[in-house]
Amino acid sequence: MIHLSKSASKEIRRLQGKSAGQEPRVRLSIAPGGCAGLYYNLGFAGTVEVGDRFYDCEGISVILDAQSLAHVQGMTLDYSEDLMGGGFRFHNPQAINVCSCGNSFSIQENG
């Protein structure tokens, strides 16, 4: 399970409202790369794949593929603005190392 903070939900709704044709669902996925080994992809979902998992978070449908879900189980997606700008923040309890930008992380490998 993942969670969205109220501020993240508000920002997602604001972004959805900026474009009349915007997809109503959000896709969160993990890909290899970034400074720490894995990085987050966050965007609006135009397609649904076999095996996707759906979560209703604060009234927003969030889609994850099974492989990505394994890396973000228990994560909270937040949004904040400060003097350096605004952005989504990933609070992932599985991350053992996080890049300074906050978008790249690594996890403990089992085995």
N, C-alpha and C. Protein backbone atom coordinates (compact mmCIF):
# COMPACT_ATOMS: atom_id res chain seq x y z
N MET A 1 0.84 -1.17 0.00
CA MET A 1 0.00 0.00 0.00
C MET A 1 0.89 1.23 0.00
N ILE A 2 0.45 2.26 -0.69
CA ILE A 2 1.12 3.55 -0.67
C ILE A 2 0.11 4.61 -0.22
N HIS A 3 0.61 5.76 0.15
CA HIS A 3 -0.24 6.83 0.67
C HIS A 3 0.10 8.14 -0.03
N LEU A 4 -0.90 9.00 -0.16
CA LEU A 4 -0.69 10.37 -0.64
C LEU A 4 -1.03 11.31 0.50
N SER A 5 -0.19 12.29 0.72
CA SER A 5 -0.52 13.32 1.70
C SER A 5 -1.61 14.21 1.10
N LYS A 6 -2.25 14.99 1.96
CA LYS A 6 -3.28 15.91 1.46
C LYS A 6 -2.68 16.93 0.50
N SER A 7 -1.46 17.38 0.76
CA SER A 7 -0.84 18.37 -0.14
C SER A 7 -0.49 17.74 -1.49
N ALA A 8 -0.07 16.47 -1.52
CA ALA A 8 0.20 15.79 -2.79
C ALA A 8 -1.09 15.60 -3.57
N SER A 9 -2.16 15.21 -2.89
CA SER A 9 -3.45 15.04 -3.55
C SER A 9 -3.93 16.35 -4.15
N LYS A 10 -3.77 17.42 -3.40
CA LYS A 10 -4.20 18.75 -3.87
C LYS A 10 -3.41 19.15 -5.12
N GLU A 11 -2.10 18.90 -5.13
CA GLU A 11 -1.28 19.27 -6.28
C GLU A 11 -1.61 18.41 -7.50
N ILE A 12 -1.85 17.13 -7.30
CA ILE A 12 -2.24 16.26 -8.41
C ILE A 12 -3.55 16.74 -9.02
N ARG A 13 -4.52 17.07 -8.18
CA ARG A 13 -5.81 17.58 -8.69
C ARG A 13 -5.62 18.89 -9.45
N ARG A 14 -4.74 19.75 -8.94
CA ARG A 14 -4.46 21.02 -9.63
C ARG A 14 -3.88 20.75 -11.01
N LEU A 15 -2.92 19.82 -11.09
CA LEU A 15 -2.31 19.49 -12.38
C LEU A 15 -3.32 18.84 -13.33
N GLN A 16 -4.18 18.00 -12.79
CA GLN A 16 -5.22 17.39 -13.63
C GLN A 16 -6.14 18.46 -14.20
N GLY A 17 -6.45 19.47 -13.40
CA GLY A 17 -7.36 20.53 -13.82
C GLY A 17 -6.77 21.48 -14.86
N LYS A 18 -5.44 21.50 -14.99
CA LYS A 18 -4.79 22.38 -15.96
C LYS A 18 -5.01 21.93 -17.40
N SER A 19 -5.32 20.66 -17.59
CA SER A 19 -5.51 20.13 -18.93
C SER A 19 -6.81 19.35 -18.99
N ALA A 20 -7.70 19.78 -19.86
CA ALA A 20 -9.01 19.13 -19.97
C ALA A 20 -8.87 17.67 -20.38
N GLY A 21 -7.84 17.32 -21.13
CA GLY A 21 -7.67 15.95 -21.60
C GLY A 21 -6.78 15.10 -20.70
N GLN A 22 -6.43 15.61 -19.52
CA GLN A 22 -5.52 14.89 -18.64
C GLN A 22 -6.13 13.57 -18.15
N GLU A 23 -5.34 12.54 -18.12
CA GLU A 23 -5.78 11.25 -17.62
C GLU A 23 -6.11 11.36 -16.13
N PRO A 24 -7.14 10.67 -15.68
CA PRO A 24 -7.54 10.80 -14.27
C PRO A 24 -6.68 9.99 -13.30
N ARG A 25 -5.89 9.06 -13.83
CA ARG A 25 -5.09 8.20 -12.96
C ARG A 25 -3.63 8.63 -12.97
N VAL A 26 -2.96 8.31 -11.86
CA VAL A 26 -1.53 8.60 -11.72
C VAL A 26 -0.79 7.27 -11.72
N ARG A 27 0.32 7.20 -12.46
CA ARG A 27 1.16 6.01 -12.46
C ARG A 27 2.46 6.33 -11.75
N LEU A 28 2.80 5.47 -10.78
CA LEU A 28 4.07 5.54 -10.09
C LEU A 28 4.84 4.28 -10.45
N SER A 29 6.05 4.45 -10.93
CA SER A 29 6.87 3.29 -11.27
C SER A 29 8.31 3.54 -10.86
N ILE A 30 9.06 2.46 -10.80
CA ILE A 30 10.46 2.51 -10.43
C ILE A 30 11.27 1.97 -11.59
N ALA A 31 12.39 2.61 -11.89
CA ALA A 31 13.25 2.17 -12.98
C ALA A 31 14.70 2.19 -12.50
N PRO A 32 15.55 1.35 -13.10
CA PRO A 32 16.97 1.39 -12.76
C PRO A 32 17.58 2.71 -13.24
N GLY A 33 18.50 3.24 -12.44
CA GLY A 33 19.20 4.46 -12.83
C GLY A 33 19.26 5.46 -11.70
N GLY A 34 19.63 6.66 -12.03
CA GLY A 34 19.77 7.71 -11.04
C GLY A 34 21.04 7.56 -10.24
N CYS A 35 21.29 8.47 -9.36
CA CYS A 35 22.52 8.48 -8.56
C CYS A 35 22.61 7.31 -7.58
N ALA A 36 21.47 6.84 -7.09
CA ALA A 36 21.49 5.82 -6.04
C ALA A 36 21.12 4.43 -6.55
N GLY A 37 20.79 4.28 -7.81
CA GLY A 37 20.51 2.96 -8.37
C GLY A 37 19.11 2.76 -8.92
N LEU A 38 18.12 3.36 -8.28
CA LEU A 38 16.73 3.29 -8.74
C LEU A 38 16.15 4.70 -8.71
N TYR A 39 15.20 4.98 -9.60
CA TYR A 39 14.56 6.29 -9.53
C TYR A 39 13.05 6.17 -9.74
N TYR A 40 12.35 7.18 -9.23
CA TYR A 40 10.90 7.23 -9.30
C TYR A 40 10.45 7.87 -10.60
N ASN A 41 9.41 7.29 -11.22
CA ASN A 41 8.71 7.90 -12.34
C ASN A 41 7.29 8.19 -11.87
N LEU A 42 6.83 9.40 -12.07
CA LEU A 42 5.50 9.79 -11.65
C LEU A 42 4.86 10.56 -12.79
N GLY A 43 3.69 10.13 -13.22
CA GLY A 43 3.01 10.81 -14.31
C GLY A 43 1.57 10.36 -14.42
N PHE A 44 0.87 10.94 -15.35
CA PHE A 44 -0.53 10.55 -15.57
C PHE A 44 -0.56 9.32 -16.46
N ALA A 45 -1.45 8.39 -16.14
CA ALA A 45 -1.50 7.10 -16.82
C ALA A 45 -2.50 7.12 -17.97
N GLY A 46 -2.01 6.83 -19.15
CA GLY A 46 -2.89 6.73 -20.31
C GLY A 46 -3.30 5.30 -20.59
N THR A 47 -2.48 4.35 -20.13
CA THR A 47 -2.77 2.95 -20.38
C THR A 47 -2.69 2.16 -19.09
N VAL A 48 -3.32 1.02 -19.10
CA VAL A 48 -3.29 0.09 -17.98
C VAL A 48 -2.71 -1.21 -18.50
N GLU A 49 -1.75 -1.77 -17.78
CA GLU A 49 -1.08 -2.99 -18.18
C GLU A 49 -1.59 -4.17 -17.35
N VAL A 50 -1.46 -5.37 -17.90
CA VAL A 50 -1.81 -6.58 -17.16
C VAL A 50 -0.94 -6.65 -15.91
N GLY A 51 -1.52 -6.93 -14.79
CA GLY A 51 -0.78 -7.03 -13.53
C GLY A 51 -0.67 -5.74 -12.76
N ASP A 52 -1.17 -4.62 -13.30
CA ASP A 52 -1.13 -3.36 -12.58
C ASP A 52 -1.97 -3.45 -11.31
N ARG A 53 -1.52 -2.76 -10.28
CA ARG A 53 -2.24 -2.68 -9.01
C ARG A 53 -2.81 -1.27 -8.90
N PHE A 54 -4.04 -1.18 -8.43
CA PHE A 54 -4.72 0.10 -8.29
C PHE A 54 -4.94 0.42 -6.82
N TYR A 55 -4.68 1.66 -6.44
CA TYR A 55 -4.92 2.11 -5.08
C TYR A 55 -5.69 3.42 -5.14
N ASP A 56 -6.68 3.54 -4.28
CA ASP A 56 -7.41 4.79 -4.15
C ASP A 56 -6.79 5.54 -2.99
N CYS A 57 -6.16 6.66 -3.29
CA CYS A 57 -5.48 7.47 -2.28
C CYS A 57 -6.07 8.86 -2.30
N GLU A 58 -6.74 9.22 -1.23
CA GLU A 58 -7.33 10.56 -1.14
C GLU A 58 -8.23 10.85 -2.35
N GLY A 59 -8.91 9.82 -2.86
CA GLY A 59 -9.80 10.00 -4.01
C GLY A 59 -9.10 10.01 -5.35
N ILE A 60 -7.82 9.72 -5.38
CA ILE A 60 -7.06 9.67 -6.63
C ILE A 60 -6.64 8.23 -6.88
N SER A 61 -6.85 7.78 -8.11
CA SER A 61 -6.47 6.42 -8.48
C SER A 61 -4.99 6.40 -8.83
N VAL A 62 -4.22 5.60 -8.08
CA VAL A 62 -2.78 5.46 -8.31
C VAL A 62 -2.52 4.05 -8.81
N ILE A 63 -1.76 3.95 -9.91
CA ILE A 63 -1.45 2.66 -10.54
C ILE A 63 0.03 2.36 -10.34
N LEU A 64 0.32 1.12 -9.97
CA LEU A 64 1.70 0.64 -9.86
C LEU A 64 1.78 -0.73 -10.50
N ASP A 65 2.90 -1.01 -11.16
CA ASP A 65 3.13 -2.38 -11.62
C ASP A 65 3.66 -3.17 -10.42
N ALA A 66 3.53 -4.49 -10.46
CA ALA A 66 3.89 -5.34 -9.32
C ALA A 66 5.36 -5.19 -8.94
N GLN A 67 6.25 -5.08 -9.90
CA GLN A 67 7.68 -4.95 -9.61
C GLN A 67 7.97 -3.64 -8.87
N SER A 68 7.35 -2.55 -9.31
CA SER A 68 7.55 -1.27 -8.64
C SER A 68 6.97 -1.28 -7.24
N LEU A 69 5.81 -1.90 -7.08
CA LEU A 69 5.17 -1.95 -5.78
C LEU A 69 6.08 -2.57 -4.73
N ALA A 70 6.83 -3.58 -5.13
CA ALA A 70 7.73 -4.23 -4.19
C ALA A 70 8.77 -3.27 -3.62
N HIS A 71 9.12 -2.21 -4.36
CA HIS A 71 10.14 -1.25 -3.92
C HIS A 71 9.57 -0.06 -3.14
N VAL A 72 8.25 0.12 -3.17
CA VAL A 72 7.67 1.30 -2.54
C VAL A 72 6.57 0.97 -1.53
N GLN A 73 6.45 -0.27 -1.15
CA GLN A 73 5.42 -0.67 -0.19
C GLN A 73 5.55 0.18 1.08
N GLY A 74 4.48 0.85 1.48
CA GLY A 74 4.47 1.68 2.67
C GLY A 74 4.92 3.12 2.45
N MET A 75 5.20 3.49 1.20
CA MET A 75 5.69 4.82 0.89
C MET A 75 4.58 5.87 0.99
N THR A 76 4.97 7.08 1.36
CA THR A 76 4.06 8.23 1.34
C THR A 76 4.60 9.23 0.33
N LEU A 77 3.73 9.66 -0.58
CA LEU A 77 4.06 10.70 -1.54
C LEU A 77 3.54 12.02 -0.98
N ASP A 78 4.43 12.99 -0.87
CA ASP A 78 4.09 14.29 -0.31
C ASP A 78 4.39 15.35 -1.35
N TYR A 79 3.90 16.56 -1.14
CA TYR A 79 4.23 17.69 -1.99
C TYR A 79 4.48 18.88 -1.07
N SER A 80 5.56 19.59 -1.34
CA SER A 80 5.82 20.79 -0.55
C SER A 80 6.48 21.85 -1.42
N GLU A 81 6.31 23.08 -1.00
CA GLU A 81 6.95 24.21 -1.66
C GLU A 81 7.79 24.94 -0.62
N ASP A 82 8.96 25.37 -1.05
CA ASP A 82 9.83 26.14 -0.17
C ASP A 82 10.55 27.17 -1.03
N LEU A 83 11.51 27.85 -0.47
CA LEU A 83 12.22 28.89 -1.21
C LEU A 83 12.98 28.36 -2.41
N MET A 84 13.30 27.07 -2.40
CA MET A 84 14.02 26.45 -3.52
C MET A 84 13.07 25.92 -4.59
N GLY A 85 11.77 26.05 -4.37
CA GLY A 85 10.79 25.57 -5.34
C GLY A 85 9.93 24.48 -4.77
N GLY A 86 8.96 24.06 -5.55
CA GLY A 86 8.04 23.02 -5.10
C GLY A 86 8.31 21.71 -5.79
N GLY A 87 7.82 20.67 -5.18
CA GLY A 87 7.98 19.38 -5.81
C GLY A 87 7.44 18.25 -4.97
N PHE A 88 7.30 17.10 -5.61
CA PHE A 88 6.85 15.91 -4.91
C PHE A 88 8.03 15.33 -4.14
N ARG A 89 7.73 14.82 -2.95
CA ARG A 89 8.74 14.23 -2.08
C ARG A 89 8.32 12.78 -1.80
N PHE A 90 9.27 11.88 -1.90
CA PHE A 90 9.02 10.46 -1.71
C PHE A 90 9.57 10.04 -0.34
N HIS A 91 8.70 9.61 0.55
CA HIS A 91 9.10 9.13 1.87
C HIS A 91 8.92 7.61 1.85
N ASN A 92 10.01 6.93 1.51
CA ASN A 92 9.99 5.49 1.28
C ASN A 92 10.70 4.77 2.42
N PRO A 93 9.95 4.01 3.23
CA PRO A 93 10.59 3.31 4.35
C PRO A 93 11.56 2.22 3.92
N GLN A 94 11.52 1.80 2.66
CA GLN A 94 12.42 0.76 2.18
C GLN A 94 13.76 1.33 1.68
N ALA A 95 13.82 2.63 1.47
CA ALA A 95 15.04 3.24 0.95
C ALA A 95 16.12 3.25 2.03
N ILE A 96 17.29 2.71 1.70
CA ILE A 96 18.41 2.74 2.65
C ILE A 96 19.41 3.83 2.27
N ASN A 97 19.32 4.33 1.05
CA ASN A 97 20.18 5.40 0.57
C ASN A 97 19.34 6.26 -0.38
N VAL A 98 19.39 7.56 -0.21
CA VAL A 98 18.61 8.47 -1.05
C VAL A 98 19.53 9.53 -1.61
N CYS A 99 19.40 9.79 -2.91
CA CYS A 99 20.16 10.85 -3.57
C CYS A 99 19.74 12.20 -2.99
N SER A 100 20.59 13.19 -3.08
CA SER A 100 20.29 14.51 -2.53
C SER A 100 19.06 15.16 -3.17
N CYS A 101 18.76 14.80 -4.41
CA CYS A 101 17.57 15.35 -5.07
C CYS A 101 16.29 14.68 -4.56
N GLY A 102 16.42 13.50 -3.96
CA GLY A 102 15.26 12.79 -3.42
C GLY A 102 14.52 11.93 -4.42
N ASN A 103 14.95 11.93 -5.68
CA ASN A 103 14.25 11.17 -6.71
C ASN A 103 14.92 9.84 -7.02
N SER A 104 16.06 9.58 -6.43
CA SER A 104 16.79 8.34 -6.67
C SER A 104 17.09 7.69 -5.31
N PHE A 105 17.06 6.37 -5.26
CA PHE A 105 17.24 5.67 -4.00
C PHE A 105 17.78 4.28 -4.24
N SER A 106 18.18 3.64 -3.16
CA SER A 106 18.55 2.24 -3.22
C SER A 106 17.87 1.51 -2.07
N ILE A 107 17.72 0.20 -2.22
CA ILE A 107 17.08 -0.62 -1.20
C ILE A 107 18.01 -1.76 -0.83
N GLN A 108 17.72 -2.37 0.30
CA GLN A 108 18.47 -3.54 0.75
C GLN A 108 18.11 -4.71 -0.16
N GLU A 109 19.10 -5.31 -0.77
CA GLU A 109 18.88 -6.47 -1.64
C GLU A 109 18.76 -7.71 -0.77
N ASN A 110 17.73 -8.51 -1.02
CA ASN A 110 17.55 -9.78 -0.30
C ASN A 110 18.31 -10.86 -1.03
N GLY A 111 19.05 -11.65 -0.29
CA GLY A 111 19.72 -12.78 -0.91
C GLY A 111 21.14 -12.65 -0.80
